[in-house]
Amino acid sequence: MIEPNSEKEELDIVDEEDMVIRSGVRNEIHRLGLLHREVHVWLFDKNKNIYFQKSPANKSSAGLFDASVGGHVDKGEEYLAAAVRETKEESELLVSPSDLIFLTKFKGVKKHPALGTINNFIRSVYVYKFPVENTELVPDLTETDGGFHKFSINFLSNLDKEDILLFHKFVPTDELPHVLKYLQNTQQYKKEELA
C-alpha cells in the first residue's frame, strides 16, 4: 500500500545527529528505512482530556490511535514550522510557533513487514498550550478515521496491566508520558485570558 502523496512528497534525510545529508521521496525513504524527521502535536480540552486521531485504512498504522496531529517535516522545513503546518492541515486549528511547547525529541523505528516499509525517524513532540474544544477542530478525513477521540488524563495516568497491553496498540506510547507530565504540572489558560 502506498500512502497518498508519498510518491511526490520530498523529505530531508538526516544522520544520527539530525543533520540533513540529502533529500528524497517519502515512499523511497520508507521503503529503504532512511532516517528522516517527523512531528507530533498534542491537543487537550479544558478537562485535560487528550485528543487522539484514529488512523484510516490507507495508513500503515490503520486502526491505531495516534497523536492529535502528526506528520513529516518537509524538505528544507524546520520542526516547529512543520508542527504549525500539520496542526492547520489536520485540525484546521491556527496556531503560532509561540503557542507550541516543545516536550521531547527522540529516535524511533517502526517496521511494517506487510507493507515492506520501515519508518526510521527522529520526532519532535509538542503540546499546544491552550485547551481546545471539539467544535474548534475540523479533522482532515484523509488523515483520520472518524475524527478526534478523547481519553481522560485519569485513564491514561492509571493504566492497569490489561490496559497497558491494549495501549501498546496505540502508536505514540514513547511520548505519552511527556504529555501527561506536562498536563499534570501545568496551569492551563484559555487563549483569551492571555490576550
C-alpha atoms as a PDB file:
ATOM      1  CA  MET A   1       0.000   0.000   0.000  1.00  0.00           C
ATOM      2  CA  ILE A   2       1.330   3.432  -0.945  1.00  0.00           C
ATOM      3  CA  GLU A   3       0.045   6.260   1.187  1.00  0.00           C
ATOM      4  CA  PRO A   4      -1.475   9.271  -0.630  1.00  0.00           C
ATOM      5  CA  ASN A   5       1.046  11.850  -1.908  1.00  0.00           C
ATOM      6  CA  SER A   6       4.018   9.723  -0.774  1.00  0.00           C
ATOM      7  CA  GLU A   7       5.315   9.462  -4.341  1.00  0.00           C
ATOM      8  CA  LYS A   8       5.728  13.250  -4.614  1.00  0.00           C
ATOM      9  CA  GLU A   9       6.427  14.373  -1.042  1.00  0.00           C
ATOM     10  CA  GLU A  10      10.105  15.250  -0.560  1.00  0.00           C
ATOM     11  CA  LEU A  11      11.696  14.936   2.865  1.00  0.00           C
ATOM     12  CA  ASP A  12      15.133  15.622   4.277  1.00  0.00           C
ATOM     13  CA  ILE A  13      17.216  12.551   5.079  1.00  0.00           C
ATOM     14  CA  VAL A  14      19.248  13.080   8.258  1.00  0.00           C
ATOM     15  CA  ASP A  15      22.150  11.436  10.044  1.00  0.00           C
ATOM     16  CA  GLU A  16      22.143  10.175  13.652  1.00  0.00           C
ATOM     17  CA  GLU A  17      22.863  13.747  14.882  1.00  0.00           C
ATOM     18  CA  ASP A  18      19.803  15.035  12.993  1.00  0.00           C
ATOM     19  CA  MET A  19      21.895  16.857  10.399  1.00  0.00           C
ATOM     20  CA  VAL A  20      20.479  16.955   6.854  1.00  0.00           C
ATOM     21  CA  ILE A  21      22.575  14.895   4.455  1.00  0.00           C
ATOM     22  CA  ARG A  22      20.301  14.927   1.386  1.00  0.00           C
ATOM     23  CA  SER A  23      16.648  14.728   0.393  1.00  0.00           C
ATOM     24  CA  GLY A  24      14.465  12.010  -1.073  1.00  0.00           C
ATOM     25  CA  VAL A  25      10.917  10.996  -1.890  1.00  0.00           C
ATOM     26  CA  ARG A  26       8.823   9.785   1.045  1.00  0.00           C
ATOM     27  CA  ASN A  27       7.872   6.346  -0.281  1.00  0.00           C
ATOM     28  CA  GLU A  28      11.517   5.569  -1.114  1.00  0.00           C
ATOM     29  CA  ILE A  29      12.658   6.821   2.289  1.00  0.00           C
ATOM     30  CA  HIS A  30      10.177   4.458   3.964  1.00  0.00           C
ATOM     31  CA  ARG A  31      10.976   1.567   1.624  1.00  0.00           C
ATOM     32  CA  LEU A  32      14.704   1.893   2.346  1.00  0.00           C
ATOM     33  CA  GLY A  33      14.291   2.752   6.055  1.00  0.00           C
ATOM     34  CA  LEU A  34      16.202   6.032   5.795  1.00  0.00           C
ATOM     35  CA  LEU A  35      16.313   8.319   8.817  1.00  0.00           C
ATOM     36  CA  HIS A  36      14.046  11.371   8.437  1.00  0.00           C
ATOM     37  CA  ARG A  37      12.138  13.920  10.557  1.00  0.00           C
ATOM     38  CA  GLU A  38       8.600  13.885  11.949  1.00  0.00           C
ATOM     39  CA  VAL A  39       6.493  15.940  14.355  1.00  0.00           C
ATOM     40  CA  HIS A  40       3.635  15.246  16.714  1.00  0.00           C
ATOM     41  CA  VAL A  41       1.440  17.901  18.321  1.00  0.00           C
ATOM     42  CA  TRP A  42      -0.836  17.038  21.227  1.00  0.00           C
ATOM     43  CA  LEU A  43      -4.140  18.802  21.904  1.00  0.00           C
ATOM     44  CA  PHE A  44      -6.309  18.645  25.007  1.00  0.00           C
ATOM     45  CA  ASP A  45      -9.584  20.095  26.274  1.00  0.00           C
ATOM     46  CA  LYS A  46     -10.359  22.194  29.373  1.00  0.00           C
ATOM     47  CA  ASN A  47     -10.662  18.993  31.457  1.00  0.00           C
ATOM     48  CA  LYS A  48      -7.244  17.820  30.237  1.00  0.00           C
ATOM     49  CA  ASN A  49      -8.725  15.047  28.115  1.00  0.00           C
ATOM     50  CA  ILE A  50      -6.201  14.306  25.392  1.00  0.00           C
ATOM     51  CA  TYR A  51      -7.218  14.134  21.735  1.00  0.00           C
ATOM     52  CA  PHE A  52      -6.107  11.230  19.552  1.00  0.00           C
ATOM     53  CA  GLN A  53      -6.701  10.507  15.890  1.00  0.00           C
ATOM     54  CA  LYS A  54      -7.572   7.018  14.718  1.00  0.00           C
ATOM     55  CA  SER A  55      -5.516   6.159  11.648  1.00  0.00           C
ATOM     56  CA  PRO A  56      -7.538   5.403   8.489  1.00  0.00           C
ATOM     57  CA  ALA A  57      -7.297   2.227   6.400  1.00  0.00           C
ATOM     58  CA  ASN A  58      -4.866   3.802   3.891  1.00  0.00           C
ATOM     59  CA  LYS A  59      -2.158   4.341   6.525  1.00  0.00           C
ATOM     60  CA  SER A  60       0.478   1.882   7.735  1.00  0.00           C
ATOM     61  CA  SER A  61      -0.889   2.407  11.269  1.00  0.00           C
ATOM     62  CA  ALA A  62      -4.501   1.666  10.184  1.00  0.00           C
ATOM     63  CA  GLY A  63      -6.939   1.359  13.086  1.00  0.00           C
ATOM     64  CA  LEU A  64      -4.489   2.569  15.728  1.00  0.00           C
ATOM     65  CA  PHE A  65      -4.862   5.686  17.839  1.00  0.00           C
ATOM     66  CA  ASP A  66      -2.176   8.242  17.116  1.00  0.00           C
ATOM     67  CA  ALA A  67      -1.199  11.716  18.291  1.00  0.00           C
ATOM     68  CA  SER A  68      -3.649  14.598  17.931  1.00  0.00           C
ATOM     69  CA  VAL A  69      -1.602  15.829  14.972  1.00  0.00           C
ATOM     70  CA  GLY A  70       1.340  14.211  13.242  1.00  0.00           C
ATOM     71  CA  GLY A  71       3.307  14.354  10.073  1.00  0.00           C
ATOM     72  CA  HIS A  72       6.584  14.585   8.266  1.00  0.00           C
ATOM     73  CA  VAL A  73       8.914  17.552   8.195  1.00  0.00           C
ATOM     74  CA  ASP A  74       9.130  18.575   4.523  1.00  0.00           C
ATOM     75  CA  LYS A  75      12.370  19.135   2.665  1.00  0.00           C
ATOM     76  CA  GLY A  76      14.008  22.367   3.904  1.00  0.00           C
ATOM     77  CA  GLU A  77      11.465  22.801   6.717  1.00  0.00           C
ATOM     78  CA  GLU A  78      12.204  23.088  10.441  1.00  0.00           C
ATOM     79  CA  TYR A  79      10.428  21.012  13.092  1.00  0.00           C
ATOM     80  CA  LEU A  80       8.446  23.888  14.582  1.00  0.00           C
ATOM     81  CA  ALA A  81       7.249  25.137  11.185  1.00  0.00           C
ATOM     82  CA  ALA A  82       6.132  21.586  10.332  1.00  0.00           C
ATOM     83  CA  ALA A  83       4.228  21.367  13.630  1.00  0.00           C
ATOM     84  CA  VAL A  84       2.365  24.612  12.872  1.00  0.00           C
ATOM     85  CA  ARG A  85       1.613  23.491   9.289  1.00  0.00           C
ATOM     86  CA  GLU A  86       0.476  19.987  10.264  1.00  0.00           C
ATOM     87  CA  THR A  87      -1.799  21.360  13.002  1.00  0.00           C
ATOM     88  CA  LYS A  88      -3.574  23.523  10.415  1.00  0.00           C
ATOM     89  CA  GLU A  89      -3.765  20.709   7.846  1.00  0.00           C
ATOM     90  CA  GLU A  90      -5.075  18.039  10.202  1.00  0.00           C
ATOM     91  CA  SER A  91      -7.344  20.051  12.514  1.00  0.00           C
ATOM     92  CA  GLU A  92      -7.947  23.479  10.893  1.00  0.00           C
ATOM     93  CA  LEU A  93      -6.624  24.953  14.154  1.00  0.00           C
ATOM     94  CA  LEU A  94      -4.484  28.037  13.543  1.00  0.00           C
ATOM     95  CA  VAL A  95      -1.532  28.115  15.918  1.00  0.00           C
ATOM     96  CA  SER A  96       1.580  30.237  16.088  1.00  0.00           C
ATOM     97  CA  PRO A  97       5.014  28.865  16.957  1.00  0.00           C
ATOM     98  CA  SER A  98       4.805  30.523  20.389  1.00  0.00           C
ATOM     99  CA  ASP A  99       1.606  28.529  21.110  1.00  0.00           C
ATOM    100  CA  LEU A 100       3.505  25.238  20.951  1.00  0.00           C
ATOM    101  CA  ILE A 101       5.575  23.888  23.836  1.00  0.00           C
ATOM    102  CA  PHE A 102       8.446  21.560  22.949  1.00  0.00           C
ATOM    103  CA  LEU A 103       8.285  18.383  25.061  1.00  0.00           C
ATOM    104  CA  THR A 104      10.868  15.958  23.724  1.00  0.00           C
ATOM    105  CA  LYS A 105      12.762  14.692  20.711  1.00  0.00           C
ATOM    106  CA  PHE A 106      13.564  11.034  20.147  1.00  0.00           C
ATOM    107  CA  LYS A 107      14.568   8.487  17.547  1.00  0.00           C
ATOM    108  CA  GLY A 108      12.372   5.548  16.675  1.00  0.00           C
ATOM    109  CA  VAL A 109      11.925   2.756  14.167  1.00  0.00           C
ATOM    110  CA  LYS A 110       8.580   1.199  13.216  1.00  0.00           C
ATOM    111  CA  LYS A 111       8.732  -1.761  10.846  1.00  0.00           C
ATOM    112  CA  HIS A 112       5.738  -2.697   8.719  1.00  0.00           C
ATOM    113  CA  PRO A 113       6.665  -6.044   7.104  1.00  0.00           C
ATOM    114  CA  ALA A 114       3.301  -6.461   5.370  1.00  0.00           C
ATOM    115  CA  LEU A 115       3.853  -3.148   3.596  1.00  0.00           C
ATOM    116  CA  GLY A 116       7.575  -3.579   3.098  1.00  0.00           C
ATOM    117  CA  THR A 117       8.325  -0.281   4.839  1.00  0.00           C
ATOM    118  CA  ILE A 118      10.454   0.918   7.720  1.00  0.00           C
ATOM    119  CA  ASN A 119       9.643   4.230   9.361  1.00  0.00           C
ATOM    120  CA  ASN A 120      13.037   5.285  10.734  1.00  0.00           C
ATOM    121  CA  PHE A 121      12.523   8.727  12.262  1.00  0.00           C
ATOM    122  CA  ILE A 122      13.612  11.476  14.600  1.00  0.00           C
ATOM    123  CA  ARG A 123      10.454  13.033  16.043  1.00  0.00           C
ATOM    124  CA  SER A 124       9.965  16.343  17.842  1.00  0.00           C
ATOM    125  CA  VAL A 125       6.953  16.355  20.121  1.00  0.00           C
ATOM    126  CA  TYR A 126       4.955  19.468  21.042  1.00  0.00           C
ATOM    127  CA  VAL A 127       1.846  20.299  23.004  1.00  0.00           C
ATOM    128  CA  TYR A 128      -0.496  23.172  22.171  1.00  0.00           C
ATOM    129  CA  LYS A 129      -0.592  25.196  25.378  1.00  0.00           C
ATOM    130  CA  PHE A 130      -4.286  26.130  25.253  1.00  0.00           C
ATOM    131  CA  PRO A 131      -7.305  23.865  25.754  1.00  0.00           C
ATOM    132  CA  VAL A 132      -9.322  23.125  22.624  1.00  0.00           C
ATOM    133  CA  GLU A 133     -12.981  22.183  22.322  1.00  0.00           C
ATOM    134  CA  ASN A 134     -14.325  19.628  19.829  1.00  0.00           C
ATOM    135  CA  THR A 135     -16.142  22.387  17.966  1.00  0.00           C
ATOM    136  CA  GLU A 136     -12.811  24.107  17.167  1.00  0.00           C
ATOM    137  CA  LEU A 137     -11.411  21.029  15.431  1.00  0.00           C
ATOM    138  CA  VAL A 138     -12.161  20.113  11.831  1.00  0.00           C
ATOM    139  CA  PRO A 139     -10.476  16.785  11.110  1.00  0.00           C
ATOM    140  CA  ASP A 140      -8.888  16.014   7.762  1.00  0.00           C
ATOM    141  CA  LEU A 141     -10.759  12.803   6.966  1.00  0.00           C
ATOM    142  CA  THR A 142      -7.903  11.595   4.760  1.00  0.00           C
ATOM    143  CA  GLU A 143      -5.755  11.593   7.917  1.00  0.00           C
ATOM    144  CA  THR A 144      -8.194  10.139  10.448  1.00  0.00           C
ATOM    145  CA  ASP A 145     -10.893   7.506  10.707  1.00  0.00           C
ATOM    146  CA  GLY A 146     -13.817   9.296  12.305  1.00  0.00           C
ATOM    147  CA  GLY A 147     -12.198  12.451  13.601  1.00  0.00           C
ATOM    148  CA  PHE A 148     -10.749  13.081  17.035  1.00  0.00           C
ATOM    149  CA  HIS A 149     -11.213  10.785  20.042  1.00  0.00           C
ATOM    150  CA  LYS A 150     -10.591  11.851  23.639  1.00  0.00           C
ATOM    151  CA  PHE A 151      -9.107   9.878  26.515  1.00  0.00           C
ATOM    152  CA  SER A 152      -9.071  11.254  30.035  1.00  0.00           C
ATOM    153  CA  ILE A 153      -5.831  12.103  31.758  1.00  0.00           C
ATOM    154  CA  ASN A 154      -7.045   9.946  34.658  1.00  0.00           C
ATOM    155  CA  PHE A 155      -7.418   6.884  32.410  1.00  0.00           C
ATOM    156  CA  LEU A 156      -4.089   7.496  30.695  1.00  0.00           C
ATOM    157  CA  SER A 157      -2.280   8.064  34.017  1.00  0.00           C
ATOM    158  CA  ASN A 158      -3.666   4.958  35.736  1.00  0.00           C
ATOM    159  CA  LEU A 159      -3.385   2.172  33.226  1.00  0.00           C
ATOM    160  CA  ASP A 160      -3.504  -1.321  34.751  1.00  0.00           C
ATOM    161  CA  LYS A 161      -1.681  -4.305  33.219  1.00  0.00           C
ATOM    162  CA  GLU A 162      -4.564  -5.144  30.895  1.00  0.00           C
ATOM    163  CA  ASP A 163      -4.895  -1.519  29.772  1.00  0.00           C
ATOM    164  CA  ILE A 164      -1.151  -1.289  29.154  1.00  0.00           C
ATOM    165  CA  LEU A 165      -1.313  -4.309  26.843  1.00  0.00           C
ATOM    166  CA  LEU A 166      -4.174  -2.648  24.968  1.00  0.00           C
ATOM    167  CA  PHE A 167      -2.399   0.686  24.974  1.00  0.00           C
ATOM    168  CA  HIS A 168       0.611  -0.730  23.155  1.00  0.00           C
ATOM    169  CA  LYS A 169      -1.704  -0.867  20.154  1.00  0.00           C
ATOM    170  CA  PHE A 170      -1.561   2.919  20.220  1.00  0.00           C
ATOM    171  CA  VAL A 171       1.161   4.464  18.110  1.00  0.00           C
ATOM    172  CA  PRO A 172       2.732   7.116  20.421  1.00  0.00           C
ATOM    173  CA  THR A 173       3.475   5.149  23.609  1.00  0.00           C
ATOM    174  CA  ASP A 174       7.030   6.572  23.901  1.00  0.00           C
ATOM    175  CA  GLU A 175       5.927  10.184  24.086  1.00  0.00           C
ATOM    176  CA  LEU A 176       2.719   9.950  26.088  1.00  0.00           C
ATOM    177  CA  PRO A 177       4.478  10.150  29.499  1.00  0.00           C
ATOM    178  CA  HIS A 178       5.872  13.558  28.466  1.00  0.00           C
ATOM    179  CA  VAL A 179       2.395  14.791  27.523  1.00  0.00           C
ATOM    180  CA  LEU A 180       0.895  13.543  30.795  1.00  0.00           C
ATOM    181  CA  LYS A 181       3.673  15.144  32.850  1.00  0.00           C
ATOM    182  CA  TYR A 182       3.121  18.473  31.100  1.00  0.00           C
ATOM    183  CA  LEU A 183      -0.639  18.405  31.703  1.00  0.00           C
ATOM    184  CA  GLN A 184      -0.302  17.293  35.320  1.00  0.00           C
ATOM    185  CA  ASN A 185       2.223  20.006  36.171  1.00  0.00           C
ATOM    186  CA  THR A 186       0.952  22.998  34.228  1.00  0.00           C
ATOM    187  CA  GLN A 187      -1.740  25.547  34.944  1.00  0.00           C
ATOM    188  CA  GLN A 188      -3.909  25.821  31.839  1.00  0.00           C
ATOM    189  CA  TYR A 189      -5.115  29.132  30.458  1.00  0.00           C
ATOM    190  CA  LYS A 190      -7.659  29.977  27.848  1.00  0.00           C
ATOM    191  CA  LYS A 191      -6.145  31.858  24.942  1.00  0.00           C
ATOM    192  CA  GLU A 192      -8.399  34.855  25.651  1.00  0.00           C
ATOM    193  CA  GLU A 193      -7.053  35.125  29.227  1.00  0.00           C
ATOM    194  CA  LEU A 194      -3.554  35.845  27.912  1.00  0.00           C
ATOM    195  CA  ALA A 195      -4.550  38.302  25.204  1.00  0.00           C
END
